[in-house]
Amino acid sequence: MLKMLRARCVNQGPALLRLPVQFTPFVLKKALLQQLLNSQFRHALAEGELDFLQGRWLGIDIHDIALRWTVTLENDRLEISNRDEADVWFRGTANDLLLVAARKTDPDTLFFQRRLVIEGDTELGLEVKNLMDAIELEHMPAPLRIGLMQLADFVEAGLNEDAKSSGDRAGASC
């Protein structure tokens, strides 16, 4: 029963988040995202590892929760915008992108399964992907890292339970 509840939460959780995210003013989302990203990437920014974003726009679209933004490097800081155009777009679901961020799923696997879509400048997309692969989770503030890992574990277990129960139902109907 608990496993079924977890699977249901994982499957329906993003839909529940969609409404509050959708109606939160972009200025609040921007402030939170800008602070979070500049904090998380402070070492990479200091080392010049994000210089490839200078004058270029990376778009992130988490379509199932209606969260979408673009980011560029400006004056040695990541700047968030809600532009419609970007040089490259990364599109996926909240659960999939959470698993990528927590290193529970390889982005290449999701890309080939068409669960992660990368559109636009492929060279820029590859640079972003390589940077994400190089990020060490230990540099994340402990509360954020622990929360990310716990949420990813919950999502991973819920997806596994859902896949198992779907397989059981398919086997039972044969």
C-alpha atoms as a PDB file:
ATOM      1  CA  MET A   1       0.000   0.000   0.000  1.00  0.00           C
ATOM      2  CA  LEU A   2       2.795   2.421   0.947  1.00  0.00           C
ATOM      3  CA  LYS A   3       4.679   1.575  -2.260  1.00  0.00           C
ATOM      4  CA  MET A   4       1.569   2.273  -4.346  1.00  0.00           C
ATOM      5  CA  LEU A   5       1.099   5.599  -2.550  1.00  0.00           C
ATOM      6  CA  ARG A   6       4.726   6.558  -3.251  1.00  0.00           C
ATOM      7  CA  ALA A   7       4.331   5.656  -6.933  1.00  0.00           C
ATOM      8  CA  ARG A   8       1.155   7.731  -7.120  1.00  0.00           C
ATOM      9  CA  CYS A   9       2.860  10.724  -5.448  1.00  0.00           C
ATOM     10  CA  VAL A  10       5.761  10.520  -7.895  1.00  0.00           C
ATOM     11  CA  ASN A  11       3.426  10.311 -10.888  1.00  0.00           C
ATOM     12  CA  GLN A  12       0.984  12.976  -9.760  1.00  0.00           C
ATOM     13  CA  GLY A  13       3.343  15.230  -7.775  1.00  0.00           C
ATOM     14  CA  PRO A  14       4.424  17.376 -10.723  1.00  0.00           C
ATOM     15  CA  ALA A  15       0.784  18.010 -11.667  1.00  0.00           C
ATOM     16  CA  LEU A  16       0.154  19.248  -8.118  1.00  0.00           C
ATOM     17  CA  LEU A  17       3.145  21.596  -8.360  1.00  0.00           C
ATOM     18  CA  ARG A  18       2.068  22.984 -11.711  1.00  0.00           C
ATOM     19  CA  LEU A  19      -0.623  25.317 -10.383  1.00  0.00           C
ATOM     20  CA  PRO A  20       1.445  27.115  -7.723  1.00  0.00           C
ATOM     21  CA  VAL A  21       4.458  27.363 -10.067  1.00  0.00           C
ATOM     22  CA  GLN A  22       2.320  28.591 -12.938  1.00  0.00           C
ATOM     23  CA  PHE A  23       0.781  31.388 -10.880  1.00  0.00           C
ATOM     24  CA  THR A  24       3.928  32.492  -9.048  1.00  0.00           C
ATOM     25  CA  PRO A  25       5.104  35.774 -10.570  1.00  0.00           C
ATOM     26  CA  PHE A  26       8.252  35.404 -12.670  1.00  0.00           C
ATOM     27  CA  VAL A  27      10.033  38.063 -10.602  1.00  0.00           C
ATOM     28  CA  LEU A  28       9.884  35.711  -7.580  1.00  0.00           C
ATOM     29  CA  LYS A  29      10.993  32.690  -9.611  1.00  0.00           C
ATOM     30  CA  LYS A  30      13.824  34.774 -11.074  1.00  0.00           C
ATOM     31  CA  ALA A  31      15.069  35.909  -7.670  1.00  0.00           C
ATOM     32  CA  LEU A  32      15.068  32.356  -6.304  1.00  0.00           C
ATOM     33  CA  LEU A  33      16.648  30.775  -9.398  1.00  0.00           C
ATOM     34  CA  GLN A  34      19.295  33.479  -9.737  1.00  0.00           C
ATOM     35  CA  GLN A  35      20.334  33.167  -6.093  1.00  0.00           C
ATOM     36  CA  LEU A  36      20.330  29.363  -6.208  1.00  0.00           C
ATOM     37  CA  LEU A  37      22.273  29.070  -9.488  1.00  0.00           C
ATOM     38  CA  ASN A  38      24.861  31.725  -8.628  1.00  0.00           C
ATOM     39  CA  SER A  39      25.431  30.064  -5.276  1.00  0.00           C
ATOM     40  CA  GLN A  40      25.642  26.564  -6.745  1.00  0.00           C
ATOM     41  CA  PHE A  41      27.985  27.597  -9.565  1.00  0.00           C
ATOM     42  CA  ARG A  42      30.129  30.076  -7.611  1.00  0.00           C
ATOM     43  CA  HIS A  43      33.288  27.923  -8.026  1.00  0.00           C
ATOM     44  CA  ALA A  44      32.655  27.408 -11.751  1.00  0.00           C
ATOM     45  CA  LEU A  45      32.001  31.136 -12.172  1.00  0.00           C
ATOM     46  CA  ALA A  46      35.223  32.028 -10.330  1.00  0.00           C
ATOM     47  CA  GLU A  47      37.216  29.570 -12.459  1.00  0.00           C
ATOM     48  CA  GLY A  48      35.729  30.904 -15.718  1.00  0.00           C
ATOM     49  CA  GLU A  49      34.099  27.553 -16.497  1.00  0.00           C
ATOM     50  CA  LEU A  50      30.873  29.279 -17.507  1.00  0.00           C
ATOM     51  CA  ASP A  51      32.449  31.855 -19.814  1.00  0.00           C
ATOM     52  CA  PHE A  52      31.026  29.945 -22.800  1.00  0.00           C
ATOM     53  CA  LEU A  53      27.600  31.328 -21.766  1.00  0.00           C
ATOM     54  CA  GLN A  54      28.722  34.963 -22.195  1.00  0.00           C
ATOM     55  CA  GLY A  55      26.294  36.491 -24.696  1.00  0.00           C
ATOM     56  CA  ARG A  56      24.532  33.156 -25.244  1.00  0.00           C
ATOM     57  CA  TRP A  57      21.264  31.932 -23.794  1.00  0.00           C
ATOM     58  CA  LEU A  58      20.482  28.537 -22.306  1.00  0.00           C
ATOM     59  CA  GLY A  59      16.801  27.709 -21.879  1.00  0.00           C
ATOM     60  CA  ILE A  60      15.401  25.262 -19.343  1.00  0.00           C
ATOM     61  CA  ASP A  61      11.821  24.052 -19.779  1.00  0.00           C
ATOM     62  CA  ILE A  62      10.319  21.745 -17.160  1.00  0.00           C
ATOM     63  CA  HIS A  63       7.077  21.347 -19.032  1.00  0.00           C
ATOM     64  CA  ASP A  64       5.063  19.237 -16.591  1.00  0.00           C
ATOM     65  CA  ILE A  65       5.248  21.899 -13.870  1.00  0.00           C
ATOM     66  CA  ALA A  66       5.175  24.918 -16.222  1.00  0.00           C
ATOM     67  CA  LEU A  67       8.591  26.161 -15.085  1.00  0.00           C
ATOM     68  CA  ARG A  68      10.620  27.748 -17.837  1.00  0.00           C
ATOM     69  CA  TRP A  69      13.523  30.174 -17.849  1.00  0.00           C
ATOM     70  CA  THR A  70      16.598  31.264 -19.770  1.00  0.00           C
ATOM     71  CA  VAL A  71      20.029  31.963 -18.351  1.00  0.00           C
ATOM     72  CA  THR A  72      23.158  33.736 -19.596  1.00  0.00           C
ATOM     73  CA  LEU A  73      26.436  34.952 -18.135  1.00  0.00           C
ATOM     74  CA  GLU A  74      26.634  38.687 -17.596  1.00  0.00           C
ATOM     75  CA  ASN A  75      29.262  40.515 -15.517  1.00  0.00           C
ATOM     76  CA  ASP A  76      30.525  37.207 -14.079  1.00  0.00           C
ATOM     77  CA  ARG A  77      27.046  36.323 -12.794  1.00  0.00           C
ATOM     78  CA  LEU A  78      24.286  34.105 -14.083  1.00  0.00           C
ATOM     79  CA  GLU A  79      21.326  36.201 -15.122  1.00  0.00           C
ATOM     80  CA  ILE A  80      17.848  34.714 -15.402  1.00  0.00           C
ATOM     81  CA  SER A  81      15.218  35.870 -17.884  1.00  0.00           C
ATOM     82  CA  ASN A  82      11.920  34.624 -19.282  1.00  0.00           C
ATOM     83  CA  ARG A  83      12.886  35.114 -22.925  1.00  0.00           C
ATOM     84  CA  ASP A  84      11.078  33.098 -25.565  1.00  0.00           C
ATOM     85  CA  GLU A  85      14.274  32.526 -27.533  1.00  0.00           C
ATOM     86  CA  ALA A  86      17.469  30.776 -26.456  1.00  0.00           C
ATOM     87  CA  ASP A  87      20.508  29.432 -28.265  1.00  0.00           C
ATOM     88  CA  VAL A  88      19.810  25.978 -26.834  1.00  0.00           C
ATOM     89  CA  TRP A  89      16.842  24.536 -24.932  1.00  0.00           C
ATOM     90  CA  PHE A  90      16.871  21.641 -22.478  1.00  0.00           C
ATOM     91  CA  ARG A  91      13.350  20.260 -22.051  1.00  0.00           C
ATOM     92  CA  GLY A  92      12.192  17.485 -19.759  1.00  0.00           C
ATOM     93  CA  THR A  93       9.955  16.526 -16.865  1.00  0.00           C
ATOM     94  CA  ALA A  94      10.520  17.480 -13.246  1.00  0.00           C
ATOM     95  CA  ASN A  95      11.149  13.875 -12.195  1.00  0.00           C
ATOM     96  CA  ASP A  96      13.650  13.209 -14.995  1.00  0.00           C
ATOM     97  CA  LEU A  97      15.578  16.442 -14.458  1.00  0.00           C
ATOM     98  CA  LEU A  98      15.627  15.833 -10.708  1.00  0.00           C
ATOM     99  CA  LEU A  99      17.148  12.390 -11.285  1.00  0.00           C
ATOM    100  CA  VAL A 100      19.770  13.908 -13.617  1.00  0.00           C
ATOM    101  CA  ALA A 101      20.655  16.599 -11.056  1.00  0.00           C
ATOM    102  CA  ALA A 102      21.072  13.962  -8.341  1.00  0.00           C
ATOM    103  CA  ARG A 103      23.173  11.729 -10.622  1.00  0.00           C
ATOM    104  CA  LYS A 104      20.595   8.934 -10.432  1.00  0.00           C
ATOM    105  CA  THR A 105      20.060   8.939 -14.212  1.00  0.00           C
ATOM    106  CA  ASP A 106      22.443   9.631 -17.054  1.00  0.00           C
ATOM    107  CA  PRO A 107      21.271  12.493 -19.309  1.00  0.00           C
ATOM    108  CA  ASP A 108      22.437  10.573 -22.406  1.00  0.00           C
ATOM    109  CA  THR A 109      20.074   7.728 -21.508  1.00  0.00           C
ATOM    110  CA  LEU A 110      17.143  10.143 -21.208  1.00  0.00           C
ATOM    111  CA  PHE A 111      18.160  11.840 -24.450  1.00  0.00           C
ATOM    112  CA  PHE A 112      18.152   8.574 -26.392  1.00  0.00           C
ATOM    113  CA  GLN A 113      14.829   7.611 -24.778  1.00  0.00           C
ATOM    114  CA  ARG A 114      13.520  11.022 -25.948  1.00  0.00           C
ATOM    115  CA  ARG A 115      12.704  11.996 -22.384  1.00  0.00           C
ATOM    116  CA  LEU A 116      15.284  14.800 -22.434  1.00  0.00           C
ATOM    117  CA  VAL A 117      15.092  17.058 -25.482  1.00  0.00           C
ATOM    118  CA  ILE A 118      17.972  19.317 -26.472  1.00  0.00           C
ATOM    119  CA  GLU A 119      17.120  21.798 -29.231  1.00  0.00           C
ATOM    120  CA  GLY A 120      19.241  24.455 -30.855  1.00  0.00           C
ATOM    121  CA  ASP A 121      22.995  24.949 -30.771  1.00  0.00           C
ATOM    122  CA  THR A 122      24.306  21.413 -30.219  1.00  0.00           C
ATOM    123  CA  GLU A 123      27.827  22.616 -29.404  1.00  0.00           C
ATOM    124  CA  LEU A 124      26.486  24.848 -26.623  1.00  0.00           C
ATOM    125  CA  GLY A 125      24.234  22.013 -25.444  1.00  0.00           C
ATOM    126  CA  LEU A 126      27.235  19.696 -25.223  1.00  0.00           C
ATOM    127  CA  GLU A 127      29.229  22.283 -23.261  1.00  0.00           C
ATOM    128  CA  VAL A 128      26.346  22.630 -20.781  1.00  0.00           C
ATOM    129  CA  LYS A 129      25.978  18.860 -20.463  1.00  0.00           C
ATOM    130  CA  ASN A 130      29.731  18.433 -19.874  1.00  0.00           C
ATOM    131  CA  LEU A 131      29.653  21.134 -17.209  1.00  0.00           C
ATOM    132  CA  MET A 132      26.724  19.433 -15.482  1.00  0.00           C
ATOM    133  CA  ASP A 133      28.589  16.105 -15.561  1.00  0.00           C
ATOM    134  CA  ALA A 134      31.606  17.764 -13.927  1.00  0.00           C
ATOM    135  CA  ILE A 135      29.691  19.310 -11.017  1.00  0.00           C
ATOM    136  CA  GLU A 136      30.502  17.672  -7.734  1.00  0.00           C
ATOM    137  CA  LEU A 137      27.489  17.349  -5.482  1.00  0.00           C
ATOM    138  CA  GLU A 138      29.759  17.872  -2.448  1.00  0.00           C
ATOM    139  CA  HIS A 139      30.019  21.571  -3.385  1.00  0.00           C
ATOM    140  CA  MET A 140      26.291  21.969  -2.895  1.00  0.00           C
ATOM    141  CA  PRO A 141      25.181  23.378   0.447  1.00  0.00           C
ATOM    142  CA  ALA A 142      24.474  20.395   2.706  1.00  0.00           C
ATOM    143  CA  PRO A 143      20.728  21.051   3.221  1.00  0.00           C
ATOM    144  CA  LEU A 144      20.176  21.413  -0.531  1.00  0.00           C
ATOM    145  CA  ARG A 145      22.275  18.331  -1.352  1.00  0.00           C
ATOM    146  CA  ILE A 146      20.576  16.184   1.282  1.00  0.00           C
ATOM    147  CA  GLY A 147      17.117  17.367   0.205  1.00  0.00           C
ATOM    148  CA  LEU A 148      17.937  16.741  -3.457  1.00  0.00           C
ATOM    149  CA  MET A 149      19.221  13.237  -2.744  1.00  0.00           C
ATOM    150  CA  GLN A 150      16.260  12.310  -0.536  1.00  0.00           C
ATOM    151  CA  LEU A 151      13.756  13.589  -3.075  1.00  0.00           C
ATOM    152  CA  ALA A 152      15.588  11.794  -5.901  1.00  0.00           C
ATOM    153  CA  ASP A 153      15.593   8.543  -3.888  1.00  0.00           C
ATOM    154  CA  PHE A 154      11.852   8.933  -3.320  1.00  0.00           C
ATOM    155  CA  VAL A 155      11.209   9.630  -7.023  1.00  0.00           C
ATOM    156  CA  GLU A 156      13.443   6.769  -8.147  1.00  0.00           C
ATOM    157  CA  ALA A 157      11.702   4.314  -5.819  1.00  0.00           C
ATOM    158  CA  GLY A 158       8.276   5.568  -6.913  1.00  0.00           C
ATOM    159  CA  LEU A 159       9.134   5.211 -10.597  1.00  0.00           C
ATOM    160  CA  ASN A 160      10.498   1.716  -9.975  1.00  0.00           C
ATOM    161  CA  GLU A 161       7.328   0.741  -8.102  1.00  0.00           C
ATOM    162  CA  ASP A 162       5.157   2.156 -10.859  1.00  0.00           C
ATOM    163  CA  ALA A 163       7.121   0.235 -13.509  1.00  0.00           C
ATOM    164  CA  LYS A 164       6.873  -2.942 -11.452  1.00  0.00           C
ATOM    165  CA  SER A 165       3.127  -2.587 -10.896  1.00  0.00           C
ATOM    166  CA  SER A 166       2.606  -1.792 -14.606  1.00  0.00           C
ATOM    167  CA  GLY A 167       4.527  -4.954 -15.461  1.00  0.00           C
ATOM    168  CA  ASP A 168       2.469  -6.963 -12.980  1.00  0.00           C
ATOM    169  CA  ARG A 169      -0.763  -5.649 -14.493  1.00  0.00           C
ATOM    170  CA  ALA A 170       0.457  -6.386 -18.027  1.00  0.00           C
ATOM    171  CA  GLY A 171       1.495  -9.904 -17.005  1.00  0.00           C
ATOM    172  CA  ALA A 172      -1.812 -10.530 -15.281  1.00  0.00           C
ATOM    173  CA  SER A 173      -3.819  -9.534 -18.352  1.00  0.00           C
ATOM    174  CA  CYS A 174      -1.978 -11.911 -20.701  1.00  0.00           C
END
